[in-house]
Amino acid sequence: MILLGFHSTLFTYMSSSPIWPTYDTNPVCRETWIWNLLHINNFNTHYNQCMNMTWFLACLMQLYVISPLFMIPLNRWPRIGCVLSVVTICVSSFACFIITKQHNLIGSVPKIELQSNALEEVNKRLWQFIDELYQKTYVRFTPYLIGILLGCYLHNRRLTKKNDLLTLSFGWIISAILMCISFFALYNREESVWEAAVYNGVKDILFSCGFSWLIFVCVTGQGGLLEKFLSHQIFKPLSRLSFCGYLTQTIVLEGYFLSVEVFVEESILYQGMLSDLSWVLLFTRLFLWTLISGFVVSLLFESPVIRLLYTYFPSK
């Protein structure tokens, strides 16, 4: 909420350009800030959200509140909990299928460019996809529940026996196949509404199951070089900055692309005239600024709160 207040009121005074906002208070935030406070802003349209990237936080909070409905049965009545979770996953996947077919949505964001070269049409289909499907909680149950099922399995089994080489090899092959299908099933081809609907219905299941294997082997000490790489100490500071970096990324992007220094460069970018090297340099620059801003926000707000929680609730 602190960043939301900054974005709503003080952001407009940070710079100036022909396209820089001139309002005193962000008009969208003035009307819809209560949606963010209640963590229901993902049910508003993307254009009518204040700091619209926070749809993910709203979705995650809603899933967190609902999670006891699944975790309690999984703990006390495992079979009932598993059935309830599987049924919910199936309903969520079917909802993705129906919504895609009903609204004639795309199968993924990159597919927009294959269907239309007009910028206006691209934006229209992109926001329609995000508003109707991408940010809704009821289509995000699948990865969340698969993660809960995996966590319960690892917690209850307390696995100590290592799998043999054949089992591990088979698991890695299946995992790679599932994740490749979830990414590349509709790559470089014109898709029909039915194909897009089926793809949106099953892609989260395929990716989550494939990724669950990666988590499983790493947690049980069977990940090999991948486990050593992902467990490296270098990722600790990055992981601590990930949340604040996520919150500040939109402010960094808006501050960069709306500023007067890059007004001309932005026009060139949208005309597709930047080279691959320019894109890499642009990404690196924005990534570093995001890390810096995330570090500042973490140092000022997140770290003190965490320290206070550790002080007053050490057992937690």
Protein backbone atom coordinates (compact mmCIF):
# COMPACT_ATOMS: atom_id res chain seq x y z
CA MET A 1 0.00 0.00 0.00
CA ILE A 2 2.98 2.32 0.57
CA LEU A 3 4.14 1.81 -3.01
CA LEU A 4 0.58 2.20 -4.23
CA GLY A 5 0.36 5.55 -2.46
CA PHE A 6 3.68 6.62 -3.99
CA HIS A 7 2.60 5.55 -7.46
CA SER A 8 -0.74 7.32 -7.07
CA THR A 9 0.51 10.68 -5.81
CA LEU A 10 4.28 11.28 -5.99
CA PHE A 11 5.19 9.44 -9.19
CA THR A 12 3.93 12.27 -11.38
CA TYR A 13 6.57 14.63 -9.90
CA MET A 14 9.57 12.41 -10.71
CA SER A 15 10.14 13.63 -14.27
CA SER A 16 8.51 15.28 -17.28
CA SER A 17 8.05 14.63 -20.99
CA PRO A 18 5.40 15.13 -23.70
CA ILE A 19 3.73 11.92 -22.53
CA TRP A 20 4.45 12.16 -18.80
CA PRO A 21 1.28 12.13 -16.61
CA THR A 22 0.33 15.50 -15.13
CA TYR A 23 -2.33 14.52 -12.60
CA ASP A 24 -2.02 15.26 -8.88
CA THR A 25 -3.52 11.89 -7.98
CA ASN A 26 -3.76 8.95 -10.34
CA PRO A 27 -7.46 8.96 -11.36
CA VAL A 28 -7.61 5.17 -11.62
CA CYS A 29 -6.04 4.71 -8.18
CA ARG A 30 -8.34 7.33 -6.68
CA GLU A 31 -11.37 5.31 -7.79
CA THR A 32 -10.15 1.73 -7.28
CA TRP A 33 -7.60 1.74 -4.43
CA ILE A 34 -10.09 -0.06 -2.19
CA TRP A 35 -9.93 -3.04 -4.58
CA ASN A 36 -6.21 -3.33 -3.85
CA LEU A 37 -6.72 -2.95 -0.11
CA LEU A 38 -9.22 -5.85 -0.13
CA HIS A 39 -7.04 -7.91 -2.51
CA ILE A 40 -9.80 -8.32 -5.09
CA ASN A 41 -8.39 -6.06 -7.81
CA ASN A 42 -7.77 -9.03 -10.13
CA PHE A 43 -11.53 -9.13 -10.72
CA ASN A 44 -11.40 -5.62 -12.12
CA THR A 45 -10.34 -4.97 -15.71
CA HIS A 46 -6.64 -4.39 -16.29
CA TYR A 47 -7.20 -0.81 -17.47
CA ASN A 48 -9.12 -0.03 -14.26
CA GLN A 49 -6.54 -1.37 -11.81
CA CYS A 50 -4.15 0.71 -9.77
CA MET A 51 -0.66 -0.79 -10.18
CA ASN A 52 -2.15 -3.51 -12.33
CA MET A 53 0.73 -5.95 -11.79
CA THR A 54 -0.61 -6.46 -8.24
CA TRP A 55 -3.32 -8.71 -9.68
CA PHE A 56 -0.93 -11.55 -8.82
CA LEU A 57 -0.79 -10.57 -5.13
CA ALA A 58 -4.59 -10.42 -4.99
CA CYS A 59 -4.86 -13.83 -6.63
CA LEU A 60 -2.27 -15.32 -4.28
CA MET A 61 -3.98 -13.88 -1.20
CA GLN A 62 -7.33 -15.32 -2.28
CA LEU A 63 -5.79 -18.75 -2.82
CA TYR A 64 -4.07 -18.50 0.57
CA VAL A 65 -7.38 -17.73 2.29
CA ILE A 66 -9.10 -20.63 0.53
CA SER A 67 -6.25 -23.13 1.03
CA PRO A 68 -7.47 -24.47 4.46
CA LEU A 69 -10.50 -25.91 2.64
CA PHE A 70 -8.05 -28.29 0.95
CA MET A 71 -5.22 -28.61 3.48
CA ILE A 72 -7.43 -29.63 6.42
CA PRO A 73 -9.04 -32.54 4.52
CA LEU A 74 -5.62 -33.54 3.15
CA ASN A 75 -4.28 -33.68 6.70
CA ARG A 76 -7.21 -35.41 8.41
CA TRP A 77 -8.82 -37.38 5.57
CA PRO A 78 -6.17 -37.74 2.86
CA ARG A 79 -8.34 -39.58 0.34
CA ILE A 80 -11.16 -37.07 0.59
CA GLY A 81 -8.66 -34.23 0.36
CA CYS A 82 -7.05 -35.72 -2.75
CA VAL A 83 -10.41 -36.25 -4.43
CA LEU A 84 -11.49 -32.70 -3.58
CA SER A 85 -8.24 -31.27 -4.94
CA VAL A 86 -8.38 -33.31 -8.16
CA VAL A 87 -12.01 -32.37 -8.77
CA THR A 88 -11.19 -28.68 -8.23
CA ILE A 89 -8.26 -28.95 -10.67
CA CYS A 90 -10.55 -30.52 -13.27
CA VAL A 91 -13.19 -27.82 -12.76
CA SER A 92 -10.56 -25.08 -13.06
CA SER A 93 -9.20 -26.60 -16.29
CA PHE A 94 -12.69 -26.96 -17.71
CA ALA A 95 -13.38 -23.31 -16.83
CA CYS A 96 -10.29 -22.30 -18.85
CA PHE A 97 -11.59 -24.34 -21.77
CA ILE A 98 -15.08 -22.83 -21.65
CA ILE A 99 -13.91 -19.23 -21.18
CA THR A 100 -11.44 -19.50 -24.06
CA LYS A 101 -14.05 -20.96 -26.38
CA GLN A 102 -16.81 -18.57 -25.34
CA HIS A 103 -14.72 -15.41 -25.75
CA ASN A 104 -12.59 -16.66 -28.66
CA LEU A 105 -9.40 -16.07 -26.70
CA ILE A 106 -5.84 -16.79 -27.75
CA GLY A 107 -3.82 -19.77 -26.56
CA SER A 108 -0.96 -17.61 -25.28
CA VAL A 109 0.23 -14.01 -25.44
CA PRO A 110 2.84 -14.51 -28.25
CA LYS A 111 0.10 -15.92 -30.50
CA ILE A 112 -1.43 -12.45 -30.84
CA GLU A 113 1.21 -11.39 -33.33
CA LEU A 114 0.39 -14.30 -35.62
CA GLN A 115 -3.26 -13.37 -35.70
CA SER A 116 -2.96 -9.63 -36.27
CA ASN A 117 -0.34 -7.09 -37.27
CA ALA A 118 -2.45 -4.10 -36.26
CA LEU A 119 -1.34 -2.59 -32.95
CA GLU A 120 -4.90 -1.72 -31.93
CA GLU A 121 -6.08 -5.28 -32.54
CA VAL A 122 -3.05 -6.68 -30.70
CA ASN A 123 -3.81 -4.56 -27.63
CA LYS A 124 -7.48 -5.47 -27.74
CA ARG A 125 -6.83 -9.23 -27.82
CA LEU A 126 -4.07 -8.97 -25.23
CA TRP A 127 -6.21 -7.17 -22.64
CA GLN A 128 -9.17 -9.40 -23.39
CA PHE A 129 -7.01 -12.46 -22.72
CA ILE A 130 -5.71 -10.95 -19.46
CA ASP A 131 -9.10 -9.71 -18.23
CA GLU A 132 -11.12 -12.82 -19.03
CA LEU A 133 -8.62 -15.56 -18.24
CA TYR A 134 -5.06 -14.73 -17.23
CA GLN A 135 -5.61 -12.91 -13.92
CA LYS A 136 -8.68 -14.72 -12.59
CA THR A 137 -8.35 -16.79 -9.43
CA TYR A 138 -10.64 -19.61 -10.51
CA VAL A 139 -8.31 -20.50 -13.38
CA ARG A 140 -5.23 -20.40 -11.11
CA PHE A 141 -6.26 -23.26 -8.84
CA THR A 142 -4.39 -25.86 -10.88
CA PRO A 143 -0.73 -24.97 -10.14
CA TYR A 144 -1.57 -23.94 -6.58
CA LEU A 145 -3.29 -27.23 -5.71
CA ILE A 146 -0.69 -29.36 -7.47
CA GLY A 147 1.91 -27.59 -5.34
CA ILE A 148 -0.11 -28.29 -2.18
CA LEU A 149 -0.46 -31.97 -3.14
CA LEU A 150 3.28 -32.25 -3.71
CA GLY A 151 4.03 -30.51 -0.40
CA CYS A 152 1.69 -32.82 1.50
CA TYR A 153 3.24 -35.87 -0.16
CA LEU A 154 6.77 -34.81 0.75
CA HIS A 155 5.73 -33.92 4.30
CA ASN A 156 3.85 -37.15 5.01
CA ARG A 157 6.18 -39.63 3.33
CA ARG A 158 9.47 -38.33 4.78
CA LEU A 159 11.33 -39.99 1.92
CA THR A 160 14.79 -41.34 2.73
CA LYS A 161 15.24 -44.00 0.04
CA LYS A 162 16.75 -42.79 -3.22
CA ASN A 163 15.20 -43.70 -6.56
CA ASP A 164 17.22 -45.86 -8.94
CA LEU A 165 18.76 -44.45 -12.12
CA LEU A 166 16.03 -45.87 -14.37
CA THR A 167 13.25 -44.21 -12.34
CA LEU A 168 15.07 -40.89 -12.26
CA SER A 169 15.74 -40.99 -16.00
CA PHE A 170 12.11 -41.81 -16.74
CA GLY A 171 10.96 -38.99 -14.47
CA TRP A 172 13.24 -36.43 -16.14
CA ILE A 173 12.10 -37.50 -19.62
CA ILE A 174 8.41 -37.24 -18.72
CA SER A 175 9.00 -33.90 -16.98
CA ALA A 176 10.81 -32.48 -20.01
CA ILE A 177 8.09 -33.70 -22.39
CA LEU A 178 5.28 -32.21 -20.30
CA MET A 179 6.99 -28.83 -19.96
CA CYS A 180 7.92 -28.69 -23.65
CA ILE A 181 4.32 -29.42 -24.63
CA SER A 182 3.08 -26.68 -22.28
CA PHE A 183 5.43 -24.18 -23.94
CA PHE A 184 5.61 -25.19 -27.60
CA ALA A 185 2.38 -27.06 -28.43
CA LEU A 186 1.03 -24.11 -30.45
CA TYR A 187 4.36 -22.62 -31.50
CA ASN A 188 4.59 -21.09 -34.98
CA ARG A 189 1.22 -22.22 -36.24
CA GLU A 190 -2.21 -20.75 -36.76
CA GLU A 191 -4.50 -22.06 -34.06
CA SER A 192 -8.21 -22.70 -34.03
CA VAL A 193 -10.52 -21.78 -31.17
CA TRP A 194 -10.76 -25.43 -30.18
CA GLU A 195 -6.98 -25.83 -30.10
CA ALA A 196 -6.59 -22.69 -28.00
CA ALA A 197 -9.35 -23.85 -25.62
CA VAL A 198 -7.79 -27.29 -25.12
CA TYR A 199 -4.35 -25.75 -24.72
CA ASN A 200 -5.49 -23.24 -22.09
CA GLY A 201 -7.32 -26.04 -20.29
CA VAL A 202 -4.37 -28.42 -19.93
CA LYS A 203 -1.19 -26.32 -20.13
CA ASP A 204 -1.15 -25.50 -16.40
CA ILE A 205 -1.56 -29.18 -15.51
CA LEU A 206 1.26 -30.21 -17.83
CA PHE A 207 3.67 -27.50 -16.68
CA SER A 208 2.87 -27.93 -12.97
CA CYS A 209 3.34 -31.70 -13.10
CA GLY A 210 6.60 -31.33 -15.00
CA PHE A 211 7.89 -28.67 -12.62
CA SER A 212 6.79 -30.72 -9.60
CA TRP A 213 9.27 -33.41 -10.60
CA LEU A 214 12.06 -30.84 -10.56
CA ILE A 215 11.05 -29.75 -7.04
CA PHE A 216 10.70 -33.36 -5.90
CA VAL A 217 14.19 -34.47 -6.94
CA CYS A 218 15.82 -31.32 -5.54
CA VAL A 219 14.05 -31.53 -2.17
CA THR A 220 14.89 -35.24 -1.82
CA GLY A 221 18.55 -34.70 -2.71
CA GLN A 222 18.42 -36.35 -6.13
CA GLY A 223 18.74 -33.25 -8.32
CA GLY A 224 22.45 -33.57 -9.03
CA LEU A 225 24.09 -30.58 -10.70
CA LEU A 226 20.75 -28.78 -11.06
CA GLU A 227 20.16 -29.02 -7.32
CA LYS A 228 23.63 -27.64 -6.59
CA PHE A 229 23.09 -24.79 -9.04
CA LEU A 230 19.67 -23.81 -7.70
CA SER A 231 20.94 -24.08 -4.11
CA HIS A 232 23.90 -21.78 -4.71
CA GLN A 233 24.35 -18.92 -2.26
CA ILE A 234 24.27 -16.35 -5.06
CA PHE A 235 20.51 -16.77 -5.37
CA LYS A 236 19.80 -15.85 -1.74
CA PRO A 237 20.03 -12.06 -2.14
CA LEU A 238 18.11 -12.25 -5.41
CA SER A 239 15.34 -14.28 -3.78
CA ARG A 240 15.08 -11.73 -0.97
CA LEU A 241 14.68 -8.93 -3.50
CA SER A 242 12.21 -10.77 -5.74
CA PHE A 243 9.05 -9.57 -3.99
CA CYS A 244 10.05 -5.91 -3.77
CA GLY A 245 11.48 -6.07 -7.28
CA TYR A 246 8.16 -7.37 -8.53
CA LEU A 247 6.34 -4.48 -6.88
CA THR A 248 8.70 -1.82 -8.21
CA GLN A 249 9.13 -3.12 -11.75
CA THR A 250 6.11 -1.28 -13.13
CA ILE A 251 7.25 2.01 -11.58
CA VAL A 252 10.70 1.49 -13.13
CA LEU A 253 9.23 0.67 -16.55
CA GLU A 254 6.84 3.60 -16.52
CA GLY A 255 9.50 5.97 -15.26
CA TYR A 256 11.85 4.91 -18.03
CA PHE A 257 9.55 4.80 -21.03
CA LEU A 258 7.64 7.95 -20.14
CA SER A 259 10.70 10.10 -19.43
CA VAL A 260 11.92 12.76 -21.83
CA GLU A 261 15.38 11.19 -22.22
CA VAL A 262 14.00 8.12 -23.95
CA PHE A 263 10.98 9.64 -25.68
CA VAL A 264 12.62 9.38 -29.10
CA GLU A 265 14.12 5.97 -28.34
CA GLU A 266 10.70 4.70 -27.31
CA SER A 267 9.25 5.73 -30.68
CA ILE A 268 12.03 3.81 -32.43
CA LEU A 269 11.37 0.79 -30.21
CA TYR A 270 7.69 0.61 -31.11
CA GLN A 271 8.59 0.84 -34.79
CA GLY A 272 10.73 -2.28 -34.45
CA MET A 273 13.98 -0.52 -35.36
CA LEU A 274 16.07 -1.58 -32.36
CA SER A 275 18.70 -4.26 -32.90
CA ASP A 276 19.00 -7.43 -30.81
CA LEU A 277 21.94 -5.90 -28.94
CA SER A 278 19.85 -2.83 -28.13
CA TRP A 279 17.15 -5.05 -26.67
CA VAL A 280 19.72 -6.86 -24.52
CA LEU A 281 21.17 -3.58 -23.25
CA LEU A 282 17.68 -2.22 -22.58
CA PHE A 283 16.72 -5.34 -20.63
CA THR A 284 19.96 -5.22 -18.62
CA ARG A 285 19.48 -1.56 -17.77
CA LEU A 286 15.89 -2.04 -16.61
CA PHE A 287 16.78 -5.21 -14.71
CA LEU A 288 19.51 -3.44 -12.77
CA TRP A 289 17.26 -0.49 -11.96
CA THR A 290 14.59 -2.93 -10.77
CA LEU A 291 17.10 -4.64 -8.47
CA ILE A 292 18.27 -1.30 -7.09
CA SER A 293 14.75 -0.03 -6.46
CA GLY A 294 13.75 -3.39 -4.97
CA PHE A 295 16.77 -3.24 -2.64
CA VAL A 296 15.84 0.26 -1.45
CA VAL A 297 12.22 -0.71 -0.80
CA SER A 298 13.28 -3.92 0.95
CA LEU A 299 15.75 -2.01 3.13
CA LEU A 300 13.21 0.66 4.08
CA PHE A 301 10.08 -1.43 4.60
CA GLU A 302 10.30 -5.20 4.19
CA SER A 303 13.42 -5.97 6.24
CA PRO A 304 12.37 -3.93 9.33
CA VAL A 305 8.96 -5.64 9.36
CA ILE A 306 10.55 -9.09 9.08
CA ARG A 307 12.97 -8.23 11.89
CA LEU A 308 10.10 -7.10 14.12
CA LEU A 309 8.21 -10.32 13.43
CA TYR A 310 11.27 -12.40 14.33
CA THR A 311 11.70 -10.36 17.51
CA TYR A 312 8.13 -10.67 18.79
CA PHE A 313 7.29 -14.10 17.33
CA PRO A 314 10.58 -16.05 17.45
CA SER A 315 8.84 -19.43 17.38
CA LYS A 316 7.20 -18.60 14.03
